[in-house]
Amino acid sequence: MFVTHFYEGKTSVLSQLLVNLPAVEENIKIKGRKAKIIEVNQINNNNYQVRIVFEIIPKKQPIKELGKKKR
């Protein structure tokens, strides 16, 4: 069993007790968001730091109504 701490930048996202360690370049889902693992660092025997990057979701632009004028 390994204690894994997931970080995005300097922000701690999740701490979890895992049987298998995640691999680098693996795609995972954390809190409903897609993420990619960048690096895995071993702190001591059972503690690991995992650096991740969340997928950027572009914001949708509202469609302008062509027939109406601003008042």
PDB file of N, CA and C in Angstrom:
ATOM      1  N   MET A   1       0.838  -1.174   0.000  1.00  0.00           N
ATOM      2  CA  MET A   1       0.000   0.000   0.000  1.00  0.00           C
ATOM      3  C   MET A   1       0.890   1.247   0.000  1.00  0.00           C
ATOM      4  N   PHE A   2       0.520   2.191  -0.840  1.00  0.00           N
ATOM      5  CA  PHE A   2       1.291   3.418  -0.991  1.00  0.00           C
ATOM      6  C   PHE A   2       0.398   4.624  -0.729  1.00  0.00           C
ATOM      7  N   VAL A   3       0.933   5.607  -0.026  1.00  0.00           N
ATOM      8  CA  VAL A   3       0.230   6.871   0.172  1.00  0.00           C
ATOM      9  C   VAL A   3       0.636   7.773  -0.991  1.00  0.00           C
ATOM     10  N   THR A   4      -0.332   8.190  -1.806  1.00  0.00           N
ATOM     11  CA  THR A   4      -0.035   9.037  -2.956  1.00  0.00           C
ATOM     12  C   THR A   4      -0.716  10.386  -2.774  1.00  0.00           C
ATOM     13  N   HIS A   5       0.038  11.436  -3.017  1.00  0.00           N
ATOM     14  CA  HIS A   5      -0.463  12.798  -2.935  1.00  0.00           C
ATOM     15  C   HIS A   5      -0.442  13.365  -4.348  1.00  0.00           C
ATOM     16  N   PHE A   6      -1.605  13.760  -4.874  1.00  0.00           N
ATOM     17  CA  PHE A   6      -1.708  14.322  -6.212  1.00  0.00           C
ATOM     18  C   PHE A   6      -1.652  15.843  -6.115  1.00  0.00           C
ATOM     19  N   TYR A   7      -0.770  16.463  -6.912  1.00  0.00           N
ATOM     20  CA  TYR A   7      -0.579  17.910  -6.909  1.00  0.00           C
ATOM     21  C   TYR A   7      -0.736  18.467  -8.312  1.00  0.00           C
ATOM     22  N   GLU A   8      -1.421  19.609  -8.398  1.00  0.00           N
ATOM     23  CA  GLU A   8      -1.447  20.393  -9.628  1.00  0.00           C
ATOM     24  C   GLU A   8      -0.729  21.697  -9.301  1.00  0.00           C
ATOM     25  N   GLY A   9       0.483  21.860  -9.811  1.00  0.00           N
ATOM     26  CA  GLY A   9       1.311  23.001  -9.411  1.00  0.00           C
ATOM     27  C   GLY A   9       1.692  22.830  -7.957  1.00  0.00           C
ATOM     28  N   LYS A  10       1.346  23.797  -7.115  1.00  0.00           N
ATOM     29  CA  LYS A  10       1.613  23.695  -5.681  1.00  0.00           C
ATOM     30  C   LYS A  10       0.365  23.326  -4.889  1.00  0.00           C
ATOM     31  N   THR A  11      -0.744  23.112  -5.574  1.00  0.00           N
ATOM     32  CA  THR A  11      -2.022  22.836  -4.924  1.00  0.00           C
ATOM     33  C   THR A  11      -2.224  21.333  -4.756  1.00  0.00           C
ATOM     34  N   SER A  12      -2.494  20.908  -3.535  1.00  0.00           N
ATOM     35  CA  SER A  12      -2.806  19.518  -3.266  1.00  0.00           C
ATOM     36  C   SER A  12      -4.245  19.247  -3.698  1.00  0.00           C
ATOM     37  N   VAL A  13      -4.425  18.289  -4.594  1.00  0.00           N
ATOM     38  CA  VAL A  13      -5.744  17.989  -5.131  1.00  0.00           C
ATOM     39  C   VAL A  13      -6.367  16.800  -4.415  1.00  0.00           C
ATOM     40  N   LEU A  14      -5.556  15.757  -4.149  1.00  0.00           N
ATOM     41  CA  LEU A  14      -6.096  14.523  -3.591  1.00  0.00           C
ATOM     42  C   LEU A  14      -4.986  13.746  -2.898  1.00  0.00           C
ATOM     43  N   SER A  15      -5.295  13.132  -1.764  1.00  0.00           N
ATOM     44  CA  SER A  15      -4.394  12.191  -1.096  1.00  0.00           C
ATOM     45  C   SER A  15      -5.127  10.863  -1.012  1.00  0.00           C
ATOM     46  N   GLN A  16      -4.434   9.801  -1.419  1.00  0.00           N
ATOM     47  CA  GLN A  16      -5.117   8.523  -1.552  1.00  0.00           C
ATOM     48  C   GLN A  16      -4.177   7.381  -1.176  1.00  0.00           C
ATOM     49  N   LEU A  17      -4.724   6.313  -0.630  1.00  0.00           N
ATOM     50  CA  LEU A  17      -3.979   5.104  -0.307  1.00  0.00           C
ATOM     51  C   LEU A  17      -4.220   4.120  -1.451  1.00  0.00           C
ATOM     52  N   LEU A  18      -3.163   3.793  -2.219  1.00  0.00           N
ATOM     53  CA  LEU A  18      -3.298   2.960  -3.411  1.00  0.00           C
ATOM     54  C   LEU A  18      -2.454   1.697  -3.305  1.00  0.00           C
ATOM     55  N   VAL A  19      -2.899   0.644  -3.992  1.00  0.00           N
ATOM     56  CA  VAL A  19      -2.135  -0.593  -4.073  1.00  0.00           C
ATOM     57  C   VAL A  19      -1.128  -0.497  -5.216  1.00  0.00           C
ATOM     58  N   ASN A  20      -1.550   0.043  -6.368  1.00  0.00           N
ATOM     59  CA  ASN A  20      -0.682   0.206  -7.533  1.00  0.00           C
ATOM     60  C   ASN A  20      -0.428   1.683  -7.786  1.00  0.00           C
ATOM     61  N   LEU A  21       0.829   2.024  -8.075  1.00  0.00           N
ATOM     62  CA  LEU A  21       1.177   3.411  -8.379  1.00  0.00           C
ATOM     63  C   LEU A  21       0.804   3.743  -9.818  1.00  0.00           C
ATOM     64  N   PRO A  22       0.362   4.968 -10.077  1.00  0.00           N
ATOM     65  CA  PRO A  22       0.070   5.373 -11.454  1.00  0.00           C
ATOM     66  C   PRO A  22       1.368   5.577 -12.232  1.00  0.00           C
ATOM     67  N   ALA A  23       1.284   5.400 -13.554  1.00  0.00           N
ATOM     68  CA  ALA A  23       2.458   5.552 -14.414  1.00  0.00           C
ATOM     69  C   ALA A  23       2.474   6.939 -15.040  1.00  0.00           C
ATOM     70  N   VAL A  24       3.663   7.368 -15.461  1.00  0.00           N
ATOM     71  CA  VAL A  24       3.814   8.656 -16.132  1.00  0.00           C
ATOM     72  C   VAL A  24       3.118   8.591 -17.492  1.00  0.00           C
ATOM     73  N   GLU A  25       2.507   9.708 -17.912  1.00  0.00           N
ATOM     74  CA  GLU A  25       1.746   9.840 -19.166  1.00  0.00           C
ATOM     75  C   GLU A  25       0.428   9.056 -19.141  1.00  0.00           C
ATOM     76  N   GLU A  26       0.003   8.600 -17.985  1.00  0.00           N
ATOM     77  CA  GLU A  26      -1.265   7.888 -17.865  1.00  0.00           C
ATOM     78  C   GLU A  26      -2.399   8.903 -17.706  1.00  0.00           C
ATOM     79  N   ASN A  27      -3.526   8.640 -18.342  1.00  0.00           N
ATOM     80  CA  ASN A  27      -4.703   9.497 -18.200  1.00  0.00           C
ATOM     81  C   ASN A  27      -5.559   8.961 -17.056  1.00  0.00           C
ATOM     82  N   ILE A  28      -5.955   9.864 -16.154  1.00  0.00           N
ATOM     83  CA  ILE A  28      -6.787   9.477 -15.020  1.00  0.00           C
ATOM     84  C   ILE A  28      -7.913  10.494 -14.858  1.00  0.00           C
ATOM     85  N   LYS A  29      -8.869  10.169 -13.998  1.00  0.00           N
ATOM     86  CA  LYS A  29      -9.957  11.076 -13.666  1.00  0.00           C
ATOM     87  C   LYS A  29      -9.924  11.332 -12.171  1.00  0.00           C
ATOM     88  N   ILE A  30      -9.848  12.622 -11.798  1.00  0.00           N
ATOM     89  CA  ILE A  30      -9.854  13.013 -10.386  1.00  0.00           C
ATOM     90  C   ILE A  30     -10.979  14.014 -10.198  1.00  0.00           C
ATOM     91  N   LYS A  31     -11.884  13.715  -9.288  1.00  0.00           N
ATOM     92  CA  LYS A  31     -13.018  14.581  -8.978  1.00  0.00           C
ATOM     93  C   LYS A  31     -13.814  14.942 -10.237  1.00  0.00           C
ATOM     94  N   GLY A  32     -13.972  13.991 -11.162  1.00  0.00           N
ATOM     95  CA  GLY A  32     -14.771  14.211 -12.362  1.00  0.00           C
ATOM     96  C   GLY A  32     -14.070  14.978 -13.463  1.00  0.00           C
ATOM     97  N   ARG A  33     -12.789  15.278 -13.288  1.00  0.00           N
ATOM     98  CA  ARG A  33     -12.028  16.026 -14.303  1.00  0.00           C
ATOM     99  C   ARG A  33     -10.922  15.141 -14.857  1.00  0.00           C
ATOM    100  N   LYS A  34     -10.694  15.220 -16.164  1.00  0.00           N
ATOM    101  CA  LYS A  34      -9.644  14.434 -16.798  1.00  0.00           C
ATOM    102  C   LYS A  34      -8.293  15.073 -16.518  1.00  0.00           C
ATOM    103  N   ALA A  35      -7.298  14.222 -16.222  1.00  0.00           N
ATOM    104  CA  ALA A  35      -5.962  14.710 -15.909  1.00  0.00           C
ATOM    105  C   ALA A  35      -4.922  13.778 -16.505  1.00  0.00           C
ATOM    106  N   LYS A  36      -3.722  14.295 -16.697  1.00  0.00           N
ATOM    107  CA  LYS A  36      -2.602  13.514 -17.204  1.00  0.00           C
ATOM    108  C   LYS A  36      -1.468  13.614 -16.185  1.00  0.00           C
ATOM    109  N   ILE A  37      -0.824  12.479 -15.912  1.00  0.00           N
ATOM    110  CA  ILE A  37       0.264  12.426 -14.936  1.00  0.00           C
ATOM    111  C   ILE A  37       1.556  12.860 -15.616  1.00  0.00           C
ATOM    112  N   ILE A  38       2.248  13.820 -14.980  1.00  0.00           N
ATOM    113  CA  ILE A  38       3.498  14.349 -15.522  1.00  0.00           C
ATOM    114  C   ILE A  38       4.703  13.650 -14.900  1.00  0.00           C
ATOM    115  N   GLU A  39       4.703  13.520 -13.563  1.00  0.00           N
ATOM    116  CA  GLU A  39       5.860  12.919 -12.903  1.00  0.00           C
ATOM    117  C   GLU A  39       5.445  12.278 -11.594  1.00  0.00           C
ATOM    118  N   VAL A  40       6.200  11.263 -11.178  1.00  0.00           N
ATOM    119  CA  VAL A  40       5.968  10.557  -9.916  1.00  0.00           C
ATOM    120  C   VAL A  40       7.272  10.588  -9.131  1.00  0.00           C
ATOM    121  N   ASN A  41       7.242  11.167  -7.920  1.00  0.00           N
ATOM    122  CA  ASN A  41       8.420  11.264  -7.054  1.00  0.00           C
ATOM    123  C   ASN A  41       8.206  10.441  -5.799  1.00  0.00           C
ATOM    124  N   GLN A  42       9.251   9.705  -5.386  1.00  0.00           N
ATOM    125  CA  GLN A  42       9.191   8.944  -4.146  1.00  0.00           C
ATOM    126  C   GLN A  42       9.783   9.786  -3.028  1.00  0.00           C
ATOM    127  N   ILE A  43       8.997  10.020  -1.971  1.00  0.00           N
ATOM    128  CA  ILE A  43       9.454  10.815  -0.833  1.00  0.00           C
ATOM    129  C   ILE A  43      10.187   9.920   0.167  1.00  0.00           C
ATOM    130  N   ASN A  44       9.554   8.838   0.586  1.00  0.00           N
ATOM    131  CA  ASN A  44      10.214   7.818   1.402  1.00  0.00           C
ATOM    132  C   ASN A  44       9.611   6.462   1.028  1.00  0.00           C
ATOM    133  N   ASN A  45       9.730   5.452   1.882  1.00  0.00           N
ATOM    134  CA  ASN A  45       9.333   4.085   1.514  1.00  0.00           C
ATOM    135  C   ASN A  45       7.923   3.978   0.941  1.00  0.00           C
ATOM    136  N   ASN A  46       6.941   4.573   1.606  1.00  0.00           N
ATOM    137  CA  ASN A  46       5.553   4.394   1.177  1.00  0.00           C
ATOM    138  C   ASN A  46       4.879   5.673   0.726  1.00  0.00           C
ATOM    139  N   ASN A  47       5.570   6.792   0.701  1.00  0.00           N
ATOM    140  CA  ASN A  47       4.968   8.065   0.314  1.00  0.00           C
ATOM    141  C   ASN A  47       5.439   8.484  -1.075  1.00  0.00           C
ATOM    142  N   TYR A  48       4.478   8.879  -1.914  1.00  0.00           N
ATOM    143  CA  TYR A  48       4.780   9.303  -3.278  1.00  0.00           C
ATOM    144  C   TYR A  48       4.067  10.607  -3.584  1.00  0.00           C
ATOM    145  N   GLN A  49       4.721  11.454  -4.373  1.00  0.00           N
ATOM    146  CA  GLN A  49       4.125  12.690  -4.885  1.00  0.00           C
ATOM    147  C   GLN A  49       3.878  12.495  -6.367  1.00  0.00           C
ATOM    148  N   VAL A  50       2.660  12.792  -6.818  1.00  0.00           N
ATOM    149  CA  VAL A  50       2.299  12.654  -8.227  1.00  0.00           C
ATOM    150  C   VAL A  50       1.900  14.025  -8.742  1.00  0.00           C
ATOM    151  N   ARG A  51       2.597  14.514  -9.768  1.00  0.00           N
ATOM    152  CA  ARG A  51       2.287  15.802 -10.406  1.00  0.00           C
ATOM    153  C   ARG A  51       1.347  15.543 -11.567  1.00  0.00           C
ATOM    154  N   ILE A  52       0.251  16.329 -11.637  1.00  0.00           N
ATOM    155  CA  ILE A  52      -0.736  16.149 -12.699  1.00  0.00           C
ATOM    156  C   ILE A  52      -1.037  17.492 -13.352  1.00  0.00           C
ATOM    157  N   VAL A  53      -1.651  17.415 -14.544  1.00  0.00           N
ATOM    158  CA  VAL A  53      -2.153  18.589 -15.251  1.00  0.00           C
ATOM    159  C   VAL A  53      -3.565  18.260 -15.696  1.00  0.00           C
ATOM    160  N   PHE A  54      -4.514  19.118 -15.305  1.00  0.00           N
ATOM    161  CA  PHE A  54      -5.895  18.916 -15.709  1.00  0.00           C
ATOM    162  C   PHE A  54      -6.095  19.363 -17.149  1.00  0.00           C
ATOM    163  N   GLU A  55      -7.024  18.701 -17.845  1.00  0.00           N
ATOM    164  CA  GLU A  55      -7.368  19.068 -19.216  1.00  0.00           C
ATOM    165  C   GLU A  55      -8.097  20.404 -19.204  1.00  0.00           C
ATOM    166  N   ILE A  56      -7.710  21.293 -20.097  1.00  0.00           N
ATOM    167  CA  ILE A  56      -8.328  22.615 -20.178  1.00  0.00           C
ATOM    168  C   ILE A  56      -9.587  22.524 -21.026  1.00  0.00           C
ATOM    169  N   ILE A  57     -10.702  22.954 -20.462  1.00  0.00           N
ATOM    170  CA  ILE A  57     -11.980  22.927 -21.166  1.00  0.00           C
ATOM    171  C   ILE A  57     -12.281  24.331 -21.661  1.00  0.00           C
ATOM    172  N   PRO A  58     -12.393  24.513 -22.992  1.00  0.00           N
ATOM    173  CA  PRO A  58     -12.687  25.865 -23.499  1.00  0.00           C
ATOM    174  C   PRO A  58     -14.119  26.265 -23.162  1.00  0.00           C
ATOM    175  N   LYS A  59     -14.292  27.543 -22.844  1.00  0.00           N
ATOM    176  CA  LYS A  59     -15.620  28.043 -22.516  1.00  0.00           C
ATOM    177  C   LYS A  59     -16.383  28.313 -23.803  1.00  0.00           C
ATOM    178  N   LYS A  60     -17.672  28.008 -23.801  1.00  0.00           N
ATOM    179  CA  LYS A  60     -18.503  28.230 -24.974  1.00  0.00           C
ATOM    180  C   LYS A  60     -18.979  29.680 -25.006  1.00  0.00           C
ATOM    181  N   GLN A  61     -18.873  30.297 -26.175  1.00  0.00           N
ATOM    182  CA  GLN A  61     -19.337  31.663 -26.360  1.00  0.00           C
ATOM    183  C   GLN A  61     -20.833  31.656 -26.665  1.00  0.00           C
ATOM    184  N   PRO A  62     -21.608  32.556 -26.061  1.00  0.00           N
ATOM    185  CA  PRO A  62     -23.043  32.607 -26.361  1.00  0.00           C
ATOM    186  C   PRO A  62     -23.260  33.101 -27.797  1.00  0.00           C
ATOM    187  N   ILE A  63     -24.295  32.581 -28.413  1.00  0.00           N
ATOM    188  CA  ILE A  63     -24.624  32.971 -29.778  1.00  0.00           C
ATOM    189  C   ILE A  63     -25.410  34.275 -29.740  1.00  0.00           C
ATOM    190  N   LYS A  64     -24.976  35.238 -30.548  1.00  0.00           N
ATOM    191  CA  LYS A  64     -25.691  36.508 -30.624  1.00  0.00           C
ATOM    192  C   LYS A  64     -26.941  36.339 -31.475  1.00  0.00           C
ATOM    193  N   GLU A  65     -27.995  36.987 -31.049  1.00  0.00           N
ATOM    194  CA  GLU A  65     -29.220  36.961 -31.834  1.00  0.00           C
ATOM    195  C   GLU A  65     -29.134  38.087 -32.867  1.00  0.00           C
ATOM    196  N   LEU A  66     -29.238  37.727 -34.119  1.00  0.00           N
ATOM    197  CA  LEU A  66     -29.031  38.689 -35.201  1.00  0.00           C
ATOM    198  C   LEU A  66     -30.198  39.646 -35.394  1.00  0.00           C
ATOM    199  N   GLY A  67     -31.414  39.238 -35.095  1.00  0.00           N
ATOM    200  CA  GLY A  67     -32.589  40.052 -35.391  1.00  0.00           C
ATOM    201  C   GLY A  67     -32.890  41.133 -34.368  1.00  0.00           C
ATOM    202  N   LYS A  68     -32.291  41.108 -33.207  1.00  0.00           N
ATOM    203  CA  LYS A  68     -32.643  42.071 -32.165  1.00  0.00           C
ATOM    204  C   LYS A  68     -31.606  43.175 -32.068  1.00  0.00           C
ATOM    205  N   LYS A  69     -32.067  44.377 -31.747  1.00  0.00           N
ATOM    206  CA  LYS A  69     -31.183  45.504 -31.527  1.00  0.00           C
ATOM    207  C   LYS A  69     -31.097  45.772 -30.025  1.00  0.00           C
ATOM    208  N   LYS A  70     -29.991  46.368 -29.623  1.00  0.00           N
ATOM    209  CA  LYS A  70     -29.865  46.784 -28.223  1.00  0.00           C
ATOM    210  C   LYS A  70     -30.661  48.046 -28.009  1.00  0.00           C
ATOM    211  N   ARG A  71     -31.251  48.172 -26.864  1.00  0.00           N
ATOM    212  CA  ARG A  71     -32.025  49.376 -26.564  1.00  0.00           C
ATOM    213  C   ARG A  71     -31.304  50.207 -25.555  1.00  0.00           C
TER     214      ARG A  71
END
